[in-house]
Amino acid sequence: MIEVLEPGLLTTVQDLGRPGWGHLGVPTAGAADPWSMAVANALLANAPGVAALEVTLTGPRLRAHRALDVAIAGADLRATAGGHPISPGRAVRLEPGEELTVPGPPVRGGARAYVALAGGIDVPAVLGSRSTCLGASFGGIEGRSLRAGDRLTATAGGGRTIDAWPGEPIAPRIMDRDGTVVVRVLPRPSTAPEVTSTTWIVSAASDRMGLRLDGDGRQQTGADGELPSHGVVRGTIQVPPDGRPIILHADHQPTGGYPVAGVVITADLPSLGQLAPGDRLRFERVDLTAAQAALVEQRAAWAAAVAVLRADAGWDDLWRSAGG
């Protein structure tokens, strides 16, 4: 249905991942920014977690071989559809022979965009998910990023195409006036390394396994900086002996032995997926009550946007049924 002419820097098939396999050493994987992926899917009346393309910094050039509806959300990577600009949070129809391009680099605020096809991308499910696990080379398309010549098809299904998302098409995040991203964390006990007193910079060595941070000064992590291995979750902030924290990301390993300075709250996990090398961030301590309230607020905002989207779709249906 759609052919990859150019693959982009790192374009992979992702859904919401494969939780529940960590005891066998299998990463969860899934979208680095699940909020933005869900927005792209909602614009096509797909379920929030069906497989879509995750585009990092610079993206693919795709050619439609038959008419299909596509949507894009997340960071603004200068996308065009059929030669016309398409901003994040929009859906369009590609006619046969038309191209969707996502050349990048980002115009503002973010590192990843998500391209959804009506019905979702049809690749074999592995352990219940279509997500690409790059480290273990399975899922998605042969466990790898897109290559020129790959062809993608959509699964059966998909409903109405909605023109525009009624809100921000990228993961919500808190920012200081100077553009520093605020990441809220549940802290570890006072014996853990301290990371909230420093403004950190996202390193170019970051990847889908972990966001590596550079800052001013080393952390005191003990004699050898390591502990007996223990289970870790997405958002865990590990501090290795060099004192530069690593925030475990979508493809993180199931266990780790570095001291843990805290865990990023669930509501702020999607915004981590939009951090690019050179971005500044600081950690802000919150308690469990505040973390739960942030998640409830985020889910309420999502439900309100979806309600508006469905109402708009209803009016579109009425207009079409009247011969408009």
Protein backbone atom coordinates (compact mmCIF):
# COMPACT_ATOMS: atom_id res chain seq x y z
CA MET A 1 0.00 0.00 0.00
CA ILE A 2 2.85 2.41 0.76
CA GLU A 3 6.50 2.16 -0.34
CA VAL A 4 9.54 3.48 1.51
CA LEU A 5 11.62 5.59 -0.88
CA GLU A 6 13.91 7.00 1.82
CA PRO A 7 13.94 5.68 5.39
CA GLY A 8 15.04 8.68 7.45
CA LEU A 9 17.44 8.62 10.39
CA LEU A 10 15.58 6.08 12.57
CA THR A 11 12.04 5.16 11.56
CA THR A 12 10.51 2.11 13.22
CA VAL A 13 7.14 0.42 13.60
CA GLN A 14 5.85 0.85 17.16
CA ASP A 15 2.68 0.26 19.14
CA LEU A 16 2.21 0.31 22.93
CA GLY A 17 4.81 -2.40 23.44
CA ARG A 18 4.88 -5.86 24.99
CA PRO A 19 4.65 -5.58 28.79
CA GLY A 20 4.81 -8.67 30.95
CA TRP A 21 7.91 -10.30 29.47
CA GLY A 22 10.59 -8.67 31.57
CA HIS A 23 11.15 -11.83 33.60
CA LEU A 24 12.46 -13.39 30.37
CA GLY A 25 14.70 -10.42 29.61
CA VAL A 26 12.41 -8.95 26.93
CA PRO A 27 12.16 -5.12 26.85
CA THR A 28 8.69 -3.61 26.68
CA ALA A 29 9.63 -1.37 23.71
CA GLY A 30 6.70 0.56 22.20
CA ALA A 31 6.31 4.24 21.31
CA ALA A 32 8.76 6.62 22.98
CA ASP A 33 5.89 9.14 23.10
CA PRO A 34 2.67 7.11 23.36
CA TRP A 35 0.54 10.28 23.67
CA SER A 36 1.51 11.55 20.21
CA MET A 37 1.13 8.10 18.66
CA ALA A 38 -2.37 7.86 20.13
CA VAL A 39 -3.22 11.29 18.66
CA ALA A 40 -2.19 10.15 15.17
CA ASN A 41 -4.30 7.02 15.55
CA ALA A 42 -7.31 8.92 16.91
CA LEU A 43 -7.34 11.11 13.80
CA LEU A 44 -8.02 7.96 11.77
CA ALA A 45 -10.45 6.41 14.27
CA ASN A 46 -7.87 3.73 15.01
CA ALA A 47 -7.50 2.31 18.50
CA PRO A 48 -4.85 4.32 20.41
CA GLY A 49 -2.30 1.52 20.46
CA VAL A 50 -2.34 0.14 16.92
CA ALA A 51 1.01 0.09 15.12
CA ALA A 52 2.30 3.30 13.54
CA LEU A 53 5.63 4.70 12.38
CA GLU A 54 7.88 6.43 14.90
CA VAL A 55 10.08 9.02 13.17
CA THR A 56 13.19 10.37 14.91
CA LEU A 57 14.54 13.85 14.01
CA THR A 58 14.55 13.26 10.24
CA GLY A 59 12.07 10.95 8.62
CA PRO A 60 11.08 8.96 5.60
CA ARG A 61 9.79 9.65 2.12
CA LEU A 62 6.83 7.37 1.42
CA ARG A 63 4.84 6.80 -1.78
CA ALA A 64 1.23 5.60 -1.80
CA HIS A 65 0.43 2.82 -4.26
CA ARG A 66 -3.29 3.22 -3.71
CA ALA A 67 -5.46 5.78 -1.97
CA LEU A 68 -5.12 5.73 1.79
CA ASP A 69 -5.66 7.99 4.76
CA VAL A 70 -2.66 8.99 6.88
CA ALA A 71 -2.24 11.16 9.97
CA ILE A 72 0.75 12.74 11.68
CA ALA A 73 1.28 13.92 15.24
CA GLY A 74 4.11 14.72 17.63
CA ALA A 75 6.97 17.05 16.78
CA ASP A 76 6.83 19.31 13.72
CA LEU A 77 9.31 17.68 11.34
CA ARG A 78 8.27 19.71 8.27
CA ALA A 79 6.02 17.02 6.81
CA THR A 80 4.38 17.34 3.41
CA ALA A 81 1.64 15.23 1.84
CA GLY A 82 1.14 15.32 -1.91
CA GLY A 83 3.55 18.27 -2.01
CA HIS A 84 1.54 20.32 0.51
CA PRO A 85 2.65 21.05 4.10
CA ILE A 86 0.85 19.05 6.78
CA SER A 87 1.18 20.18 10.37
CA PRO A 88 1.15 17.77 13.32
CA GLY A 89 -2.33 16.84 14.47
CA ARG A 90 -3.75 16.58 10.95
CA ALA A 91 -5.01 13.76 8.74
CA VAL A 92 -5.08 13.71 4.94
CA ARG A 93 -5.76 11.34 2.07
CA LEU A 94 -2.90 10.30 -0.18
CA GLU A 95 -3.90 9.46 -3.74
CA PRO A 96 -2.02 6.80 -5.74
CA GLY A 97 1.47 8.05 -6.59
CA GLU A 98 1.46 10.86 -4.03
CA GLU A 99 4.21 11.08 -1.44
CA LEU A 100 4.36 11.76 2.27
CA THR A 101 7.70 13.22 3.34
CA VAL A 102 8.94 13.96 6.86
CA PRO A 103 12.35 15.50 6.17
CA GLY A 104 13.05 17.26 9.47
CA PRO A 105 14.86 18.65 11.32
CA PRO A 106 12.34 19.66 13.99
CA VAL A 107 10.86 23.12 13.66
CA ARG A 108 10.11 23.35 17.37
CA GLY A 109 9.69 21.40 20.57
CA GLY A 110 10.33 17.74 20.03
CA ALA A 111 12.36 14.92 18.56
CA ARG A 112 9.77 12.44 17.24
CA ALA A 113 6.75 12.40 14.97
CA TYR A 114 4.25 9.58 14.46
CA VAL A 115 2.74 8.60 11.12
CA ALA A 116 -0.40 6.45 11.31
CA LEU A 117 -2.22 4.62 8.52
CA ALA A 118 -5.96 4.01 8.61
CA GLY A 119 -6.39 0.61 10.26
CA GLY A 120 -2.81 0.47 11.56
CA ILE A 121 0.37 -1.00 10.10
CA ASP A 122 0.14 -4.71 9.40
CA VAL A 123 3.31 -6.55 10.46
CA PRO A 124 3.50 -9.86 12.34
CA ALA A 125 2.87 -9.67 16.08
CA VAL A 126 5.68 -11.05 18.27
CA LEU A 127 4.81 -11.79 21.91
CA GLY A 128 1.58 -9.89 21.44
CA SER A 129 3.05 -6.70 19.94
CA ARG A 130 4.09 -5.29 16.57
CA SER A 131 6.69 -3.00 18.15
CA THR A 132 10.27 -3.08 16.90
CA CYS A 133 12.79 -4.25 19.49
CA LEU A 134 16.03 -2.97 18.00
CA GLY A 135 18.38 -4.51 20.56
CA ALA A 136 17.06 -8.05 20.08
CA SER A 137 16.18 -7.61 16.38
CA PHE A 138 12.58 -8.75 16.41
CA GLY A 139 9.18 -7.18 15.90
CA GLY A 140 8.26 -4.51 13.39
CA ILE A 141 9.95 -5.19 10.06
CA GLU A 142 12.57 -7.87 10.78
CA GLY A 143 13.47 -6.17 14.05
CA ARG A 144 15.06 -3.17 12.33
CA SER A 145 14.41 0.38 11.23
CA LEU A 146 12.91 1.10 7.80
CA ARG A 147 14.98 0.71 4.65
CA ALA A 148 14.42 1.99 1.15
CA GLY A 149 12.28 -0.50 -0.75
CA ASP A 150 10.25 -1.67 2.26
CA ARG A 151 6.49 -1.82 1.69
CA LEU A 152 3.89 -1.25 4.37
CA THR A 153 0.27 -2.32 4.37
CA ALA A 154 -2.59 -1.42 6.67
CA THR A 155 -4.67 -3.87 8.63
CA ALA A 156 -8.38 -4.22 7.96
CA GLY A 157 -10.44 -1.65 9.78
CA GLY A 158 -10.02 2.01 10.57
CA GLY A 159 -12.90 4.39 10.49
CA ARG A 160 -13.53 8.02 9.70
CA THR A 161 -10.68 10.38 9.02
CA ILE A 162 -10.82 13.47 11.25
CA ASP A 163 -9.22 16.59 9.87
CA ALA A 164 -7.56 18.05 12.98
CA TRP A 165 -6.81 17.22 16.61
CA PRO A 166 -8.47 19.71 19.01
CA GLY A 167 -5.38 20.46 21.09
CA GLU A 168 -1.62 19.98 21.23
CA PRO A 169 -0.58 17.05 18.99
CA ILE A 170 2.50 16.38 21.12
CA ALA A 171 3.01 14.99 24.62
CA PRO A 172 2.13 17.59 27.29
CA ARG A 173 5.12 18.87 29.22
CA ILE A 174 6.07 21.54 31.74
CA MET A 175 8.77 24.05 30.79
CA ASP A 176 10.57 26.84 32.59
CA ARG A 177 10.75 30.28 31.00
CA ASP A 178 14.22 29.56 29.65
CA GLY A 179 12.98 26.44 27.82
CA THR A 180 14.21 23.91 30.39
CA VAL A 181 11.89 20.90 30.53
CA VAL A 182 10.68 20.04 34.03
CA VAL A 183 10.55 16.30 34.74
CA ARG A 184 8.72 15.31 37.91
CA VAL A 185 10.14 12.40 39.89
CA LEU A 186 9.33 10.25 42.88
CA PRO A 187 12.60 10.38 44.83
CA ARG A 188 14.50 7.52 46.40
CA PRO A 189 15.52 7.63 50.10
CA SER A 190 18.02 10.26 51.22
CA THR A 191 20.91 7.80 50.72
CA ALA A 192 20.32 7.84 46.94
CA PRO A 193 22.31 10.12 44.60
CA GLU A 194 21.02 13.70 44.35
CA VAL A 195 19.98 14.86 40.87
CA THR A 196 17.48 17.66 41.51
CA SER A 197 20.08 20.38 42.15
CA THR A 198 21.49 20.36 38.62
CA THR A 199 20.18 21.42 35.21
CA TRP A 200 21.00 18.57 32.87
CA ILE A 201 21.59 18.44 29.11
CA VAL A 202 20.47 15.50 26.97
CA SER A 203 23.54 13.82 25.51
CA ALA A 204 23.97 12.83 21.88
CA ALA A 205 24.69 9.33 23.21
CA SER A 206 21.00 8.93 24.15
CA ASP A 207 18.89 6.32 22.42
CA ARG A 208 15.66 4.37 22.92
CA MET A 209 17.26 2.40 25.77
CA GLY A 210 18.12 5.43 27.85
CA LEU A 211 18.41 9.20 27.92
CA ARG A 212 21.96 9.99 28.97
CA LEU A 213 22.47 13.32 30.69
CA ASP A 214 25.46 15.64 31.07
CA GLY A 215 25.76 18.15 33.90
CA ASP A 216 28.15 20.04 36.12
CA GLY A 217 29.76 17.85 38.74
CA ARG A 218 29.97 14.21 39.75
CA GLN A 219 27.64 12.38 42.08
CA GLN A 220 28.78 10.41 45.11
CA THR A 221 27.67 6.87 44.36
CA GLY A 222 29.73 4.73 46.72
CA ALA A 223 32.90 2.75 46.38
CA ASP A 224 32.18 1.10 43.05
CA GLY A 225 28.94 2.83 42.10
CA GLU A 226 27.04 -0.43 41.71
CA LEU A 227 24.54 -2.50 43.69
CA PRO A 228 23.18 -6.02 43.34
CA SER A 229 21.02 -6.17 40.22
CA HIS A 230 17.33 -5.44 40.76
CA GLY A 231 14.27 -4.90 38.63
CA VAL A 232 13.85 -1.52 36.96
CA VAL A 233 10.97 0.22 35.21
CA ARG A 234 10.70 2.83 32.49
CA GLY A 235 11.58 6.22 33.92
CA THR A 236 14.07 4.88 36.47
CA ILE A 237 16.94 7.36 36.94
CA GLN A 238 20.18 5.40 37.31
CA VAL A 239 23.43 7.07 38.32
CA PRO A 240 26.59 5.22 37.14
CA PRO A 241 30.03 5.88 38.64
CA ASP A 242 30.71 8.84 36.34
CA GLY A 243 27.80 10.70 37.95
CA ARG A 244 25.91 11.29 34.71
CA PRO A 245 22.32 10.03 35.10
CA ILE A 246 20.59 7.70 32.66
CA ILE A 247 16.79 7.80 32.44
CA LEU A 248 15.65 4.36 31.34
CA HIS A 249 13.58 4.68 28.17
CA ALA A 250 11.26 2.57 26.02
CA ASP A 251 13.79 -0.20 25.19
CA HIS A 252 15.35 -0.36 28.66
CA GLN A 253 16.74 -3.57 30.10
CA PRO A 254 14.66 -5.35 32.77
CA THR A 255 17.33 -5.20 35.52
CA GLY A 256 20.06 -2.83 36.61
CA GLY A 257 22.67 -2.42 39.31
CA TYR A 258 23.45 1.29 39.40
CA PRO A 259 22.14 3.41 42.29
CA VAL A 260 18.66 4.82 41.61
CA ALA A 261 18.01 8.52 42.23
CA GLY A 262 14.28 8.39 41.54
CA VAL A 263 11.60 7.38 39.06
CA VAL A 264 9.91 9.71 36.56
CA ILE A 265 6.17 9.89 37.18
CA THR A 266 3.90 8.17 34.65
CA ALA A 267 2.36 11.44 33.43
CA ASP A 268 5.79 12.73 32.34
CA LEU A 269 6.98 9.58 30.53
CA PRO A 270 5.56 10.61 27.11
CA SER A 271 7.41 13.94 27.23
CA LEU A 272 10.71 12.08 27.65
CA GLY A 273 10.18 10.70 24.16
CA GLN A 274 10.34 14.21 22.74
CA LEU A 275 13.69 15.18 24.29
CA ALA A 276 16.46 15.69 21.73
CA PRO A 277 20.23 15.98 22.17
CA GLY A 278 21.05 19.40 23.56
CA ASP A 279 17.70 19.87 25.33
CA ARG A 280 17.87 21.04 28.93
CA LEU A 281 15.94 19.43 31.76
CA ARG A 282 15.71 19.54 35.51
CA PHE A 283 14.14 17.12 37.95
CA GLU A 284 11.47 18.22 40.39
CA ARG A 285 10.55 16.11 43.38
CA VAL A 286 6.87 15.33 43.93
CA ASP A 287 5.05 12.95 46.24
CA LEU A 288 2.80 10.05 45.30
CA THR A 289 -0.38 12.12 45.70
CA ALA A 290 0.89 14.74 43.23
CA ALA A 291 2.00 12.02 40.78
CA GLN A 292 -1.44 10.41 40.85
CA ALA A 293 -3.16 13.80 40.42
CA ALA A 294 -0.98 14.58 37.38
CA LEU A 295 -1.95 11.30 35.74
CA VAL A 296 -5.66 11.85 36.43
CA GLU A 297 -5.40 15.35 34.94
CA GLN A 298 -3.63 14.06 31.84
CA ARG A 299 -6.20 11.32 31.27
CA ALA A 300 -9.02 13.83 31.71
CA ALA A 301 -7.44 16.11 29.11
CA TRP A 302 -7.20 13.16 26.71
CA ALA A 303 -10.83 12.19 27.27
CA ALA A 304 -11.98 15.78 26.69
CA ALA A 305 -10.05 16.04 23.41
CA VAL A 306 -11.42 12.70 22.18
CA ALA A 307 -14.96 13.84 23.04
CA VAL A 308 -14.49 16.96 20.89
CA LEU A 309 -13.03 14.82 18.11
CA ARG A 310 -16.04 12.48 18.15
CA ALA A 311 -18.44 15.40 18.15
CA ASP A 312 -16.68 16.91 15.13
CA ALA A 313 -16.83 13.54 13.39
CA GLY A 314 -20.56 13.37 14.03
CA TRP A 315 -21.10 16.73 12.38
CA ASP A 316 -18.97 15.62 9.42
CA ASP A 317 -21.09 12.49 9.06
CA LEU A 318 -24.27 14.56 9.15
CA TRP A 319 -22.87 16.91 6.50
CA ARG A 320 -21.96 13.99 4.23
CA SER A 321 -25.33 12.30 4.71
CA ALA A 322 -27.00 15.52 3.61
CA GLY A 323 -25.09 15.40 0.33
CA GLY A 324 -22.44 17.94 1.31
